[in-house]
Amino acid sequence: MNRRYDNLLFDLDGTLTDPAEGITRSVAYALQKFGIDVSDMKQLYYFIGPPLDDSFKMFYGFDNEQAQQAVRYYRERFATRGWLENKVYDGIPDLLESLKKAGYRLMVATSKPTPFATRILEHFGLSAYFDFIAGSGLNGERHDKIDVINYALDCCHITKRTRTAMIGDRRHDADGARLAGIACIGVLYGYGDRTELGNAGVHYMASSVNELKKILCPDAEQT
């Protein structure tokens, strides 16, 4: 098969699953603890993808202590309800099945804590497709995407970075990939737009799961 990569790292939120309901409701729950009410959940879409504490600081002016407390409040709700308020994007199981059959090595690299990511992937029957699930630590370990990506590559003993690509929907996925010396494919069906991903320097953009399949498996029969 004429393909560009051998190793693929997938972001989770906004790439494999649509977590908008669970994340925004859990963020709103945390903000309410600080006396901040949010009526339009779409205002919180920018929390999907980047590390939560960074978003609390950037968009609500929280200091480090407030941001960490907000993350704890967020997890109170997310750990019990929010993680289930999620859905797999159409076509993702078929894509992963095709990639696995084609001999790709598949990993997950997400800013979400590893226990939550693993629980979500197992719940939706996706975990079996992946050789490794890398996320952040509940203690703040692997805060930045570059740390998550390097952790996944090191644990899987992947040294051929020119044959490796990160697939994600936000700028921080592309930034992490660039710092790690690997390619990045941006998906436009998630929560980043063409301008964000273009400015971040992604190598390819896919507007749909089927278009992503065409990029990754150019010789495969498309459905």
N, C-alpha and C. Protein backbone atom coordinates (compact mmCIF):
# COMPACT_ATOMS: atom_id res chain seq x y z
N MET A 1 0.85 -1.19 0.00
CA MET A 1 0.00 0.00 0.00
C MET A 1 0.88 1.25 0.00
N ASN A 2 0.53 2.20 -0.83
CA ASN A 2 1.26 3.47 -0.91
C ASN A 2 0.75 4.41 0.17
N ARG A 3 1.36 4.37 1.33
CA ARG A 3 0.91 5.20 2.44
C ARG A 3 2.04 6.07 2.97
N ARG A 4 1.65 7.14 3.64
CA ARG A 4 2.62 8.14 4.09
C ARG A 4 3.22 7.81 5.45
N TYR A 5 2.46 7.09 6.30
CA TYR A 5 2.87 6.88 7.69
C TYR A 5 2.69 5.42 8.08
N ASP A 6 3.36 5.05 9.15
CA ASP A 6 3.21 3.71 9.73
C ASP A 6 2.60 3.77 11.12
N ASN A 7 2.84 4.86 11.85
CA ASN A 7 2.39 5.01 13.23
C ASN A 7 1.47 6.22 13.33
N LEU A 8 0.30 6.02 13.94
CA LEU A 8 -0.69 7.10 14.03
C LEU A 8 -1.11 7.31 15.48
N LEU A 9 -1.03 8.56 15.92
CA LEU A 9 -1.52 8.93 17.24
C LEU A 9 -2.80 9.73 17.06
N PHE A 10 -3.86 9.31 17.72
CA PHE A 10 -5.15 9.98 17.63
C PHE A 10 -5.44 10.77 18.90
N ASP A 11 -5.84 12.01 18.71
CA ASP A 11 -6.45 12.74 19.81
C ASP A 11 -7.79 12.05 20.11
N LEU A 12 -8.34 12.31 21.28
CA LEU A 12 -9.63 11.70 21.64
C LEU A 12 -10.78 12.68 21.44
N ASP A 13 -10.82 13.73 22.23
CA ASP A 13 -11.92 14.69 22.17
C ASP A 13 -11.88 15.49 20.88
N GLY A 14 -12.97 15.44 20.13
CA GLY A 14 -13.05 16.18 18.88
C GLY A 14 -12.42 15.48 17.70
N THR A 15 -11.92 14.26 17.92
CA THR A 15 -11.29 13.50 16.84
C THR A 15 -11.88 12.10 16.74
N LEU A 16 -11.89 11.37 17.85
CA LEU A 16 -12.54 10.06 17.89
C LEU A 16 -13.98 10.16 18.38
N THR A 17 -14.19 11.00 19.38
CA THR A 17 -15.54 11.16 19.95
C THR A 17 -15.89 12.64 20.07
N ASP A 18 -17.20 12.89 20.11
CA ASP A 18 -17.71 14.25 20.33
C ASP A 18 -18.14 14.37 21.78
N PRO A 19 -17.32 15.03 22.61
CA PRO A 19 -17.56 15.08 24.05
C PRO A 19 -18.23 16.36 24.53
N ALA A 20 -18.81 17.12 23.59
CA ALA A 20 -19.25 18.48 23.91
C ALA A 20 -20.18 18.54 25.11
N GLU A 21 -21.18 17.68 25.14
CA GLU A 21 -22.17 17.75 26.22
C GLU A 21 -21.52 17.53 27.58
N GLY A 22 -20.73 16.48 27.70
CA GLY A 22 -20.13 16.16 29.00
C GLY A 22 -19.12 17.18 29.46
N ILE A 23 -18.29 17.66 28.54
CA ILE A 23 -17.26 18.63 28.92
C ILE A 23 -17.89 19.97 29.28
N THR A 24 -18.78 20.48 28.44
CA THR A 24 -19.34 21.81 28.70
C THR A 24 -20.19 21.82 29.96
N ARG A 25 -20.95 20.78 30.20
CA ARG A 25 -21.77 20.73 31.41
C ARG A 25 -20.89 20.62 32.66
N SER A 26 -19.79 19.91 32.54
CA SER A 26 -18.89 19.77 33.69
C SER A 26 -18.13 21.07 33.94
N VAL A 27 -17.76 21.77 32.87
CA VAL A 27 -17.12 23.08 33.02
C VAL A 27 -18.10 24.07 33.66
N ALA A 28 -19.35 24.06 33.18
CA ALA A 28 -20.37 24.95 33.74
C ALA A 28 -20.59 24.66 35.23
N TYR A 29 -20.55 23.39 35.60
CA TYR A 29 -20.68 22.98 37.00
C TYR A 29 -19.54 23.59 37.82
N ALA A 30 -18.32 23.50 37.28
CA ALA A 30 -17.16 24.06 37.99
C ALA A 30 -17.25 25.57 38.11
N LEU A 31 -17.65 26.23 37.04
CA LEU A 31 -17.76 27.69 37.07
C LEU A 31 -18.83 28.16 38.05
N GLN A 32 -19.89 27.39 38.15
CA GLN A 32 -20.97 27.76 39.07
C GLN A 32 -20.48 27.78 40.51
N LYS A 33 -19.50 26.93 40.82
CA LYS A 33 -18.92 26.91 42.16
C LYS A 33 -18.21 28.23 42.48
N PHE A 34 -17.85 28.96 41.42
CA PHE A 34 -17.20 30.25 41.60
C PHE A 34 -18.18 31.40 41.38
N GLY A 35 -19.47 31.07 41.31
CA GLY A 35 -20.48 32.09 41.13
C GLY A 35 -20.63 32.59 39.71
N ILE A 36 -20.14 31.81 38.74
CA ILE A 36 -20.21 32.18 37.33
C ILE A 36 -21.25 31.30 36.64
N ASP A 37 -22.30 31.90 36.13
CA ASP A 37 -23.35 31.15 35.43
C ASP A 37 -23.16 31.27 33.92
N VAL A 38 -23.32 30.15 33.24
CA VAL A 38 -23.20 30.12 31.78
C VAL A 38 -24.52 29.61 31.22
N SER A 39 -25.17 30.41 30.39
CA SER A 39 -26.46 30.03 29.84
C SER A 39 -26.34 29.30 28.50
N ASP A 40 -25.31 29.62 27.73
CA ASP A 40 -25.11 29.02 26.41
C ASP A 40 -23.88 28.11 26.46
N MET A 41 -24.13 26.81 26.42
CA MET A 41 -23.03 25.86 26.54
C MET A 41 -22.03 25.99 25.39
N LYS A 42 -22.45 26.52 24.25
CA LYS A 42 -21.53 26.66 23.12
C LYS A 42 -20.39 27.62 23.44
N GLN A 43 -20.62 28.50 24.42
CA GLN A 43 -19.57 29.42 24.83
C GLN A 43 -18.38 28.67 25.44
N LEU A 44 -18.61 27.43 25.82
CA LEU A 44 -17.57 26.65 26.49
C LEU A 44 -16.89 25.64 25.56
N TYR A 45 -17.19 25.70 24.27
CA TYR A 45 -16.57 24.77 23.34
C TYR A 45 -15.05 24.89 23.31
N TYR A 46 -14.53 26.09 23.64
CA TYR A 46 -13.09 26.25 23.59
C TYR A 46 -12.39 25.47 24.70
N PHE A 47 -13.13 24.89 25.62
CA PHE A 47 -12.53 24.01 26.63
C PHE A 47 -12.25 22.62 26.07
N ILE A 48 -12.80 22.31 24.91
CA ILE A 48 -12.64 20.97 24.35
C ILE A 48 -11.29 20.85 23.65
N GLY A 49 -10.41 20.07 24.20
CA GLY A 49 -9.10 19.85 23.60
C GLY A 49 -7.95 20.26 24.48
N PRO A 50 -7.75 21.56 24.72
CA PRO A 50 -6.58 21.99 25.51
C PRO A 50 -6.68 21.56 26.97
N PRO A 51 -5.58 21.59 27.71
CA PRO A 51 -5.63 21.31 29.15
C PRO A 51 -6.62 22.24 29.84
N LEU A 52 -7.41 21.68 30.73
CA LEU A 52 -8.48 22.44 31.37
C LEU A 52 -7.97 23.63 32.17
N ASP A 53 -6.93 23.44 32.93
CA ASP A 53 -6.46 24.55 33.77
C ASP A 53 -6.01 25.74 32.92
N ASP A 54 -5.42 25.45 31.76
CA ASP A 54 -5.02 26.54 30.86
C ASP A 54 -6.24 27.34 30.40
N SER A 55 -7.34 26.63 30.10
CA SER A 55 -8.54 27.30 29.62
C SER A 55 -9.21 28.12 30.71
N PHE A 56 -9.23 27.60 31.94
CA PHE A 56 -9.79 28.39 33.04
C PHE A 56 -8.99 29.67 33.25
N LYS A 57 -7.70 29.60 33.09
CA LYS A 57 -6.85 30.79 33.24
C LYS A 57 -7.07 31.76 32.09
N MET A 58 -7.09 31.23 30.88
CA MET A 58 -7.15 32.09 29.71
C MET A 58 -8.50 32.79 29.57
N PHE A 59 -9.58 32.05 29.77
CA PHE A 59 -10.90 32.59 29.46
C PHE A 59 -11.63 33.18 30.66
N TYR A 60 -11.18 32.83 31.88
CA TYR A 60 -11.84 33.37 33.07
C TYR A 60 -10.89 34.05 34.03
N GLY A 61 -9.63 34.16 33.64
CA GLY A 61 -8.67 34.90 34.44
C GLY A 61 -8.33 34.26 35.77
N PHE A 62 -8.52 32.95 35.89
CA PHE A 62 -8.20 32.27 37.14
C PHE A 62 -6.68 32.24 37.36
N ASP A 63 -6.27 32.33 38.62
CA ASP A 63 -4.86 32.12 38.93
C ASP A 63 -4.63 30.61 39.06
N ASN A 64 -3.40 30.22 39.35
CA ASN A 64 -3.06 28.80 39.39
C ASN A 64 -3.91 28.04 40.40
N GLU A 65 -4.07 28.60 41.59
CA GLU A 65 -4.83 27.92 42.64
C GLU A 65 -6.30 27.78 42.25
N GLN A 66 -6.87 28.85 41.71
CA GLN A 66 -8.27 28.79 41.29
C GLN A 66 -8.46 27.79 40.15
N ALA A 67 -7.53 27.79 39.20
CA ALA A 67 -7.64 26.88 38.07
C ALA A 67 -7.59 25.43 38.52
N GLN A 68 -6.69 25.12 39.45
CA GLN A 68 -6.60 23.74 39.95
C GLN A 68 -7.86 23.34 40.70
N GLN A 69 -8.43 24.28 41.47
CA GLN A 69 -9.67 23.99 42.17
C GLN A 69 -10.81 23.79 41.17
N ALA A 70 -10.83 24.59 40.11
CA ALA A 70 -11.86 24.45 39.08
C ALA A 70 -11.76 23.08 38.41
N VAL A 71 -10.55 22.61 38.17
CA VAL A 71 -10.37 21.28 37.58
C VAL A 71 -10.90 20.21 38.52
N ARG A 72 -10.67 20.38 39.82
CA ARG A 72 -11.21 19.40 40.78
C ARG A 72 -12.73 19.39 40.77
N TYR A 73 -13.34 20.58 40.71
CA TYR A 73 -14.81 20.65 40.62
C TYR A 73 -15.30 19.99 39.33
N TYR A 74 -14.61 20.29 38.25
CA TYR A 74 -14.95 19.70 36.96
C TYR A 74 -14.98 18.17 37.05
N ARG A 75 -13.96 17.61 37.67
CA ARG A 75 -13.85 16.16 37.74
C ARG A 75 -14.91 15.53 38.64
N GLU A 76 -15.41 16.31 39.60
CA GLU A 76 -16.50 15.79 40.44
C GLU A 76 -17.67 15.35 39.57
N ARG A 77 -18.00 16.18 38.60
CA ARG A 77 -19.14 15.86 37.74
C ARG A 77 -18.74 14.93 36.60
N PHE A 78 -17.57 15.20 35.99
CA PHE A 78 -17.16 14.43 34.82
C PHE A 78 -16.96 12.95 35.16
N ALA A 79 -16.41 12.68 36.34
CA ALA A 79 -16.11 11.30 36.72
C ALA A 79 -17.36 10.45 36.91
N THR A 80 -18.48 11.09 37.24
CA THR A 80 -19.70 10.34 37.49
C THR A 80 -20.71 10.40 36.35
N ARG A 81 -20.76 11.54 35.64
CA ARG A 81 -21.77 11.71 34.60
C ARG A 81 -21.20 12.17 33.26
N GLY A 82 -20.28 13.12 33.32
CA GLY A 82 -19.82 13.76 32.11
C GLY A 82 -19.17 12.84 31.10
N TRP A 83 -18.43 11.84 31.55
CA TRP A 83 -17.73 10.97 30.62
C TRP A 83 -18.70 10.17 29.76
N LEU A 84 -19.92 9.96 30.25
CA LEU A 84 -20.93 9.22 29.48
C LEU A 84 -21.69 10.12 28.50
N GLU A 85 -21.61 11.43 28.70
CA GLU A 85 -22.29 12.37 27.80
C GLU A 85 -21.37 12.62 26.60
N ASN A 86 -21.28 11.64 25.75
CA ASN A 86 -20.25 11.57 24.72
C ASN A 86 -20.76 10.65 23.61
N LYS A 87 -20.24 10.79 22.42
CA LYS A 87 -20.63 9.90 21.32
C LYS A 87 -19.49 9.77 20.32
N VAL A 88 -19.41 8.61 19.71
CA VAL A 88 -18.38 8.34 18.71
C VAL A 88 -18.80 8.98 17.39
N TYR A 89 -17.86 9.63 16.73
CA TYR A 89 -18.16 10.20 15.41
C TYR A 89 -18.48 9.09 14.42
N ASP A 90 -19.44 9.34 13.57
CA ASP A 90 -19.80 8.37 12.53
C ASP A 90 -18.58 8.02 11.68
N GLY A 91 -18.40 6.74 11.46
CA GLY A 91 -17.32 6.27 10.61
C GLY A 91 -16.03 5.94 11.31
N ILE A 92 -15.89 6.34 12.57
CA ILE A 92 -14.63 6.10 13.30
C ILE A 92 -14.35 4.61 13.48
N PRO A 93 -15.30 3.80 13.95
CA PRO A 93 -14.99 2.36 14.08
C PRO A 93 -14.53 1.73 12.78
N ASP A 94 -15.19 2.07 11.67
CA ASP A 94 -14.79 1.51 10.37
C ASP A 94 -13.40 1.98 9.97
N LEU A 95 -13.10 3.26 10.25
CA LEU A 95 -11.77 3.78 9.95
C LEU A 95 -10.70 3.03 10.72
N LEU A 96 -10.91 2.89 12.01
CA LEU A 96 -9.92 2.20 12.84
C LEU A 96 -9.75 0.74 12.42
N GLU A 97 -10.84 0.11 12.05
CA GLU A 97 -10.78 -1.28 11.58
C GLU A 97 -9.94 -1.36 10.30
N SER A 98 -10.15 -0.42 9.39
CA SER A 98 -9.39 -0.41 8.13
C SER A 98 -7.91 -0.16 8.38
N LEU A 99 -7.62 0.78 9.27
CA LEU A 99 -6.23 1.09 9.57
C LEU A 99 -5.52 -0.08 10.23
N LYS A 100 -6.22 -0.74 11.12
CA LYS A 100 -5.63 -1.90 11.81
C LYS A 100 -5.35 -3.02 10.81
N LYS A 101 -6.29 -3.25 9.91
CA LYS A 101 -6.10 -4.30 8.90
C LYS A 101 -4.96 -3.96 7.95
N ALA A 102 -4.76 -2.66 7.74
CA ALA A 102 -3.70 -2.21 6.83
C ALA A 102 -2.32 -2.26 7.49
N GLY A 103 -2.28 -2.58 8.78
CA GLY A 103 -1.01 -2.74 9.47
C GLY A 103 -0.47 -1.52 10.17
N TYR A 104 -1.30 -0.49 10.29
CA TYR A 104 -0.86 0.69 11.05
C TYR A 104 -0.73 0.35 12.53
N ARG A 105 0.18 1.05 13.18
CA ARG A 105 0.26 0.99 14.63
C ARG A 105 -0.50 2.20 15.16
N LEU A 106 -1.52 1.96 15.97
CA LEU A 106 -2.42 3.01 16.42
C LEU A 106 -2.26 3.27 17.91
N MET A 107 -2.21 4.55 18.26
CA MET A 107 -2.12 4.97 19.65
C MET A 107 -3.08 6.13 19.88
N VAL A 108 -3.39 6.38 21.14
CA VAL A 108 -4.16 7.56 21.52
C VAL A 108 -3.22 8.48 22.28
N ALA A 109 -3.29 9.78 21.95
CA ALA A 109 -2.51 10.80 22.67
C ALA A 109 -3.47 11.94 22.98
N THR A 110 -3.89 12.03 24.22
CA THR A 110 -4.92 12.98 24.62
C THR A 110 -4.51 13.76 25.86
N SER A 111 -5.00 14.99 25.96
CA SER A 111 -4.76 15.79 27.17
C SER A 111 -5.65 15.34 28.32
N LYS A 112 -6.63 14.52 28.03
CA LYS A 112 -7.51 13.99 29.08
C LYS A 112 -6.72 13.01 29.94
N PRO A 113 -6.96 12.98 31.25
CA PRO A 113 -6.28 12.00 32.09
C PRO A 113 -6.47 10.58 31.58
N THR A 114 -5.42 9.80 31.64
CA THR A 114 -5.45 8.45 31.09
C THR A 114 -6.61 7.60 31.62
N PRO A 115 -6.93 7.63 32.93
CA PRO A 115 -8.04 6.80 33.40
C PRO A 115 -9.37 7.14 32.74
N PHE A 116 -9.64 8.43 32.53
CA PHE A 116 -10.88 8.83 31.86
C PHE A 116 -10.86 8.40 30.40
N ALA A 117 -9.74 8.62 29.73
CA ALA A 117 -9.63 8.25 28.31
C ALA A 117 -9.84 6.75 28.12
N THR A 118 -9.20 5.96 28.97
CA THR A 118 -9.34 4.50 28.88
C THR A 118 -10.78 4.07 29.11
N ARG A 119 -11.43 4.67 30.10
CA ARG A 119 -12.81 4.32 30.40
C ARG A 119 -13.73 4.62 29.22
N ILE A 120 -13.53 5.77 28.60
CA ILE A 120 -14.36 6.17 27.46
C ILE A 120 -14.13 5.23 26.27
N LEU A 121 -12.89 4.95 25.96
CA LEU A 121 -12.58 4.08 24.83
C LEU A 121 -13.10 2.67 25.04
N GLU A 122 -13.00 2.18 26.25
CA GLU A 122 -13.53 0.84 26.55
C GLU A 122 -15.05 0.83 26.46
N HIS A 123 -15.68 1.88 26.96
CA HIS A 123 -17.14 1.97 26.93
C HIS A 123 -17.68 1.91 25.50
N PHE A 124 -16.98 2.57 24.59
CA PHE A 124 -17.45 2.62 23.20
C PHE A 124 -16.85 1.51 22.33
N GLY A 125 -16.13 0.58 22.93
CA GLY A 125 -15.59 -0.54 22.18
C GLY A 125 -14.46 -0.17 21.24
N LEU A 126 -13.72 0.88 21.56
CA LEU A 126 -12.64 1.33 20.68
C LEU A 126 -11.25 0.97 21.20
N SER A 127 -11.13 0.61 22.45
CA SER A 127 -9.79 0.44 23.05
C SER A 127 -8.99 -0.67 22.38
N ALA A 128 -9.65 -1.69 21.85
CA ALA A 128 -8.94 -2.82 21.26
C ALA A 128 -8.18 -2.45 20.00
N TYR A 129 -8.53 -1.34 19.38
CA TYR A 129 -7.83 -0.92 18.17
C TYR A 129 -6.47 -0.30 18.46
N PHE A 130 -6.23 0.08 19.69
CA PHE A 130 -5.04 0.86 20.02
C PHE A 130 -4.00 0.05 20.78
N ASP A 131 -2.76 0.21 20.37
CA ASP A 131 -1.65 -0.44 21.06
C ASP A 131 -1.35 0.23 22.40
N PHE A 132 -1.67 1.52 22.48
CA PHE A 132 -1.32 2.25 23.70
C PHE A 132 -2.24 3.46 23.84
N ILE A 133 -2.63 3.76 25.08
CA ILE A 133 -3.45 4.94 25.37
C ILE A 133 -2.65 5.85 26.28
N ALA A 134 -2.25 7.00 25.76
CA ALA A 134 -1.47 7.96 26.53
C ALA A 134 -2.31 9.19 26.82
N GLY A 135 -2.34 9.57 28.07
CA GLY A 135 -3.05 10.78 28.48
C GLY A 135 -2.24 11.53 29.50
N SER A 136 -2.83 12.55 30.06
CA SER A 136 -2.18 13.28 31.14
C SER A 136 -2.37 12.50 32.44
N GLY A 137 -1.69 12.95 33.49
CA GLY A 137 -1.85 12.33 34.80
C GLY A 137 -2.84 13.11 35.65
N LEU A 138 -3.54 12.44 36.51
CA LEU A 138 -4.47 13.13 37.40
C LEU A 138 -3.74 14.09 38.33
N ASN A 139 -2.44 13.89 38.48
CA ASN A 139 -1.63 14.75 39.34
C ASN A 139 -0.98 15.90 38.57
N GLY A 140 -1.37 16.09 37.31
CA GLY A 140 -0.80 17.16 36.51
C GLY A 140 0.37 16.74 35.64
N GLU A 141 0.78 15.49 35.77
CA GLU A 141 1.88 14.98 34.96
C GLU A 141 1.48 14.97 33.49
N ARG A 142 2.42 15.20 32.59
CA ARG A 142 2.20 15.25 31.14
C ARG A 142 1.11 16.29 30.82
N HIS A 143 1.35 17.49 31.28
CA HIS A 143 0.37 18.57 31.10
C HIS A 143 0.25 18.99 29.64
N ASP A 144 1.38 19.13 28.94
CA ASP A 144 1.39 19.62 27.57
C ASP A 144 1.32 18.47 26.57
N LYS A 145 0.80 18.77 25.37
CA LYS A 145 0.62 17.71 24.36
C LYS A 145 1.94 17.09 23.94
N ILE A 146 2.99 17.88 23.88
CA ILE A 146 4.30 17.33 23.54
C ILE A 146 4.70 16.25 24.52
N ASP A 147 4.39 16.43 25.79
CA ASP A 147 4.74 15.43 26.80
C ASP A 147 3.95 14.14 26.60
N VAL A 148 2.68 14.28 26.24
CA VAL A 148 1.85 13.10 25.99
C VAL A 148 2.34 12.35 24.77
N ILE A 149 2.65 13.09 23.71
CA ILE A 149 3.12 12.46 22.48
C ILE A 149 4.44 11.73 22.71
N ASN A 150 5.40 12.40 23.35
CA ASN A 150 6.69 11.76 23.60
C ASN A 150 6.55 10.53 24.50
N TYR A 151 5.65 10.62 25.47
CA TYR A 151 5.40 9.48 26.35
C TYR A 151 4.89 8.28 25.55
N ALA A 152 3.93 8.51 24.65
CA ALA A 152 3.40 7.43 23.82
C ALA A 152 4.47 6.83 22.93
N LEU A 153 5.25 7.69 22.28
CA LEU A 153 6.29 7.20 21.37
C LEU A 153 7.37 6.44 22.12
N ASP A 154 7.76 6.94 23.29
CA ASP A 154 8.79 6.26 24.08
C ASP A 154 8.30 4.91 24.59
N CYS A 155 7.07 4.87 25.09
CA CYS A 155 6.53 3.62 25.63
C CYS A 155 6.36 2.57 24.54
N CYS A 156 6.10 3.02 23.32
CA CYS A 156 5.92 2.09 22.20
C CYS A 156 7.20 1.88 21.39
N HIS A 157 8.30 2.48 21.86
CA HIS A 157 9.64 2.31 21.24
C HIS A 157 9.62 2.69 19.77
N ILE A 158 8.97 3.80 19.46
CA ILE A 158 8.90 4.29 18.08
C ILE A 158 9.99 5.32 17.86
N THR A 159 10.88 5.03 16.94
CA THR A 159 12.00 5.92 16.66
C THR A 159 11.88 6.58 15.29
N LYS A 160 11.13 6.00 14.39
CA LYS A 160 10.97 6.56 13.04
C LYS A 160 9.88 7.63 13.05
N ARG A 161 10.26 8.82 13.48
CA ARG A 161 9.26 9.88 13.64
C ARG A 161 8.81 10.44 12.30
N THR A 162 9.60 10.30 11.26
CA THR A 162 9.17 10.77 9.94
C THR A 162 8.06 9.90 9.38
N ARG A 163 7.86 8.74 9.97
CA ARG A 163 6.79 7.83 9.53
C ARG A 163 5.64 7.83 10.53
N THR A 164 5.55 8.90 11.30
CA THR A 164 4.57 8.98 12.38
C THR A 164 3.78 10.28 12.26
N ALA A 165 2.48 10.20 12.55
CA ALA A 165 1.62 11.40 12.47
C ALA A 165 0.66 11.46 13.64
N MET A 166 0.42 12.69 14.08
CA MET A 166 -0.60 13.00 15.08
C MET A 166 -1.86 13.44 14.35
N ILE A 167 -3.01 12.96 14.79
CA ILE A 167 -4.29 13.34 14.18
C ILE A 167 -5.13 14.02 15.26
N GLY A 168 -5.49 15.28 15.03
CA GLY A 168 -6.25 16.00 16.05
C GLY A 168 -6.99 17.18 15.45
N ASP A 169 -7.79 17.83 16.28
CA ASP A 169 -8.66 18.90 15.79
C ASP A 169 -8.30 20.29 16.29
N ARG A 170 -7.28 20.41 17.14
CA ARG A 170 -6.96 21.72 17.71
C ARG A 170 -5.49 22.08 17.50
N ARG A 171 -5.22 23.36 17.68
CA ARG A 171 -3.87 23.88 17.48
C ARG A 171 -2.84 23.17 18.37
N HIS A 172 -3.23 22.85 19.61
CA HIS A 172 -2.24 22.25 20.52
C HIS A 172 -1.83 20.86 20.06
N ASP A 173 -2.67 20.18 19.27
CA ASP A 173 -2.26 18.90 18.68
C ASP A 173 -1.14 19.12 17.68
N ALA A 174 -1.32 20.15 16.84
CA ALA A 174 -0.29 20.47 15.84
C ALA A 174 0.98 20.97 16.49
N ASP A 175 0.85 21.80 17.52
CA ASP A 175 2.04 22.31 18.22
C ASP A 175 2.83 21.16 18.85
N GLY A 176 2.12 20.24 19.48
CA GLY A 176 2.79 19.11 20.10
C GLY A 176 3.48 18.23 19.08
N ALA A 177 2.81 18.01 17.95
CA ALA A 177 3.40 17.20 16.88
C ALA A 177 4.67 17.84 16.33
N ARG A 178 4.62 19.14 16.09
CA ARG A 178 5.78 19.85 15.55
C ARG A 178 6.97 19.74 16.51
N LEU A 179 6.72 19.96 17.79
CA LEU A 179 7.79 19.88 18.78
C LEU A 179 8.36 18.47 18.90
N ALA A 180 7.51 17.47 18.62
CA ALA A 180 7.95 16.08 18.70
C ALA A 180 8.62 15.61 17.42
N GLY A 181 8.59 16.43 16.37
CA GLY A 181 9.21 16.06 15.12
C GLY A 181 8.40 15.09 14.29
N ILE A 182 7.06 15.14 14.45
CA ILE A 182 6.20 14.28 13.66
C ILE A 182 5.20 15.15 12.89
N ALA A 183 4.54 14.54 11.92
CA ALA A 183 3.54 15.26 11.12
C ALA A 183 2.24 15.40 11.89
N CYS A 184 1.38 16.28 11.41
CA CYS A 184 0.05 16.41 12.01
C CYS A 184 -1.01 16.52 10.92
N ILE A 185 -2.06 15.77 11.10
CA ILE A 185 -3.23 15.84 10.22
C ILE A 185 -4.36 16.46 11.03
N GLY A 186 -4.90 17.56 10.56
CA GLY A 186 -5.98 18.24 11.26
C GLY A 186 -7.34 17.78 10.76
N VAL A 187 -8.26 17.55 11.67
CA VAL A 187 -9.63 17.19 11.28
C VAL A 187 -10.55 18.37 11.55
N LEU A 188 -11.39 18.67 10.57
CA LEU A 188 -12.26 19.84 10.64
C LEU A 188 -13.65 19.51 11.13
N TYR A 189 -13.93 18.25 11.43
CA TYR A 189 -15.25 17.89 11.97
C TYR A 189 -15.30 18.01 13.49
N GLY A 190 -14.15 18.39 14.10
CA GLY A 190 -14.08 18.55 15.55
C GLY A 190 -14.32 19.99 15.95
N TYR A 191 -13.45 20.55 16.80
CA TYR A 191 -13.70 21.87 17.37
C TYR A 191 -12.67 22.94 16.99
N GLY A 192 -11.76 22.60 16.12
CA GLY A 192 -10.87 23.59 15.55
C GLY A 192 -11.31 23.89 14.12
N ASP A 193 -11.04 25.09 13.64
CA ASP A 193 -11.44 25.42 12.27
C ASP A 193 -10.23 25.47 11.35
N ARG A 194 -10.51 25.74 10.07
CA ARG A 194 -9.46 25.73 9.06
C ARG A 194 -8.37 26.77 9.35
N THR A 195 -8.79 27.93 9.85
CA THR A 195 -7.81 28.98 10.16
C THR A 195 -6.88 28.56 11.29
N GLU A 196 -7.46 28.04 12.37
CA GLU A 196 -6.66 27.60 13.51
C GLU A 196 -5.65 26.54 13.11
N LEU A 197 -6.12 25.54 12.38
CA LEU A 197 -5.24 24.43 12.00
C LEU A 197 -4.23 24.85 10.94
N GLY A 198 -4.67 25.73 10.01
CA GLY A 198 -3.75 26.20 8.98
C GLY A 198 -2.62 27.02 9.58
N ASN A 199 -2.97 27.90 10.51
CA ASN A 199 -1.95 28.72 11.17
C ASN A 199 -1.00 27.87 12.00
N ALA A 200 -1.49 26.71 12.47
CA ALA A 200 -0.65 25.82 13.28
C ALA A 200 0.26 24.95 12.43
N GLY A 201 0.06 24.99 11.10
CA GLY A 201 0.98 24.30 10.21
C GLY A 201 0.74 22.81 10.03
N VAL A 202 -0.53 22.38 10.08
CA VAL A 202 -0.79 20.96 9.86
C VAL A 202 -0.41 20.57 8.43
N HIS A 203 -0.08 19.32 8.22
CA HIS A 203 0.36 18.85 6.91
C HIS A 203 -0.82 18.56 5.98
N TYR A 204 -1.91 18.10 6.56
CA TYR A 204 -3.12 17.82 5.79
C TYR A 204 -4.31 18.21 6.64
N MET A 205 -5.45 18.45 5.97
CA MET A 205 -6.71 18.68 6.67
C MET A 205 -7.77 17.76 6.10
N ALA A 206 -8.59 17.21 6.99
CA ALA A 206 -9.69 16.34 6.57
C ALA A 206 -11.00 16.91 7.09
N SER A 207 -11.94 17.14 6.20
CA SER A 207 -13.22 17.72 6.60
C SER A 207 -14.20 16.68 7.11
N SER A 208 -13.88 15.40 6.92
CA SER A 208 -14.76 14.32 7.36
C SER A 208 -13.92 13.10 7.69
N VAL A 209 -14.55 12.13 8.34
CA VAL A 209 -13.85 10.88 8.65
C VAL A 209 -13.49 10.16 7.36
N ASN A 210 -14.37 10.21 6.37
CA ASN A 210 -14.09 9.55 5.10
C ASN A 210 -12.91 10.19 4.38
N GLU A 211 -12.81 11.53 4.47
CA GLU A 211 -11.67 12.21 3.87
C GLU A 211 -10.38 11.86 4.60
N LEU A 212 -10.46 11.69 5.91
CA LEU A 212 -9.30 11.26 6.68
C LEU A 212 -8.84 9.88 6.22
N LYS A 213 -9.79 9.02 5.95
CA LYS A 213 -9.45 7.67 5.46
C LYS A 213 -8.74 7.75 4.12
N LYS A 214 -9.15 8.65 3.25
CA LYS A 214 -8.50 8.81 1.95
C LYS A 214 -7.06 9.26 2.08
N ILE A 215 -6.81 10.13 3.08
CA ILE A 215 -5.45 10.60 3.31
C ILE A 215 -4.56 9.48 3.84
N LEU A 216 -5.11 8.69 4.74
CA LEU A 216 -4.31 7.64 5.40
C LEU A 216 -4.21 6.37 4.58
N CYS A 217 -5.24 6.08 3.83
CA CYS A 217 -5.26 4.85 3.02
C CYS A 217 -5.57 5.21 1.57
N PRO A 218 -4.66 5.88 0.85
CA PRO A 218 -4.96 6.37 -0.47
C PRO A 218 -5.29 5.30 -1.49
N ASP A 219 -4.83 4.08 -1.26
CA ASP A 219 -5.08 3.00 -2.21
C ASP A 219 -6.28 2.15 -1.83
N ALA A 220 -6.85 2.42 -0.65
CA ALA A 220 -7.97 1.59 -0.19
C ALA A 220 -9.26 1.97 -0.90
N GLU A 221 -10.14 1.00 -1.04
CA GLU A 221 -11.45 1.26 -1.64
C GLU A 221 -12.26 2.09 -0.68
N GLN A 222 -12.81 3.20 -1.13
CA GLN A 222 -13.58 4.10 -0.27
C GLN A 222 -15.04 3.74 -0.29
N THR A 223 -15.69 3.93 0.86
CA THR A 223 -17.12 3.64 0.96
C THR A 223 -17.87 4.92 1.20
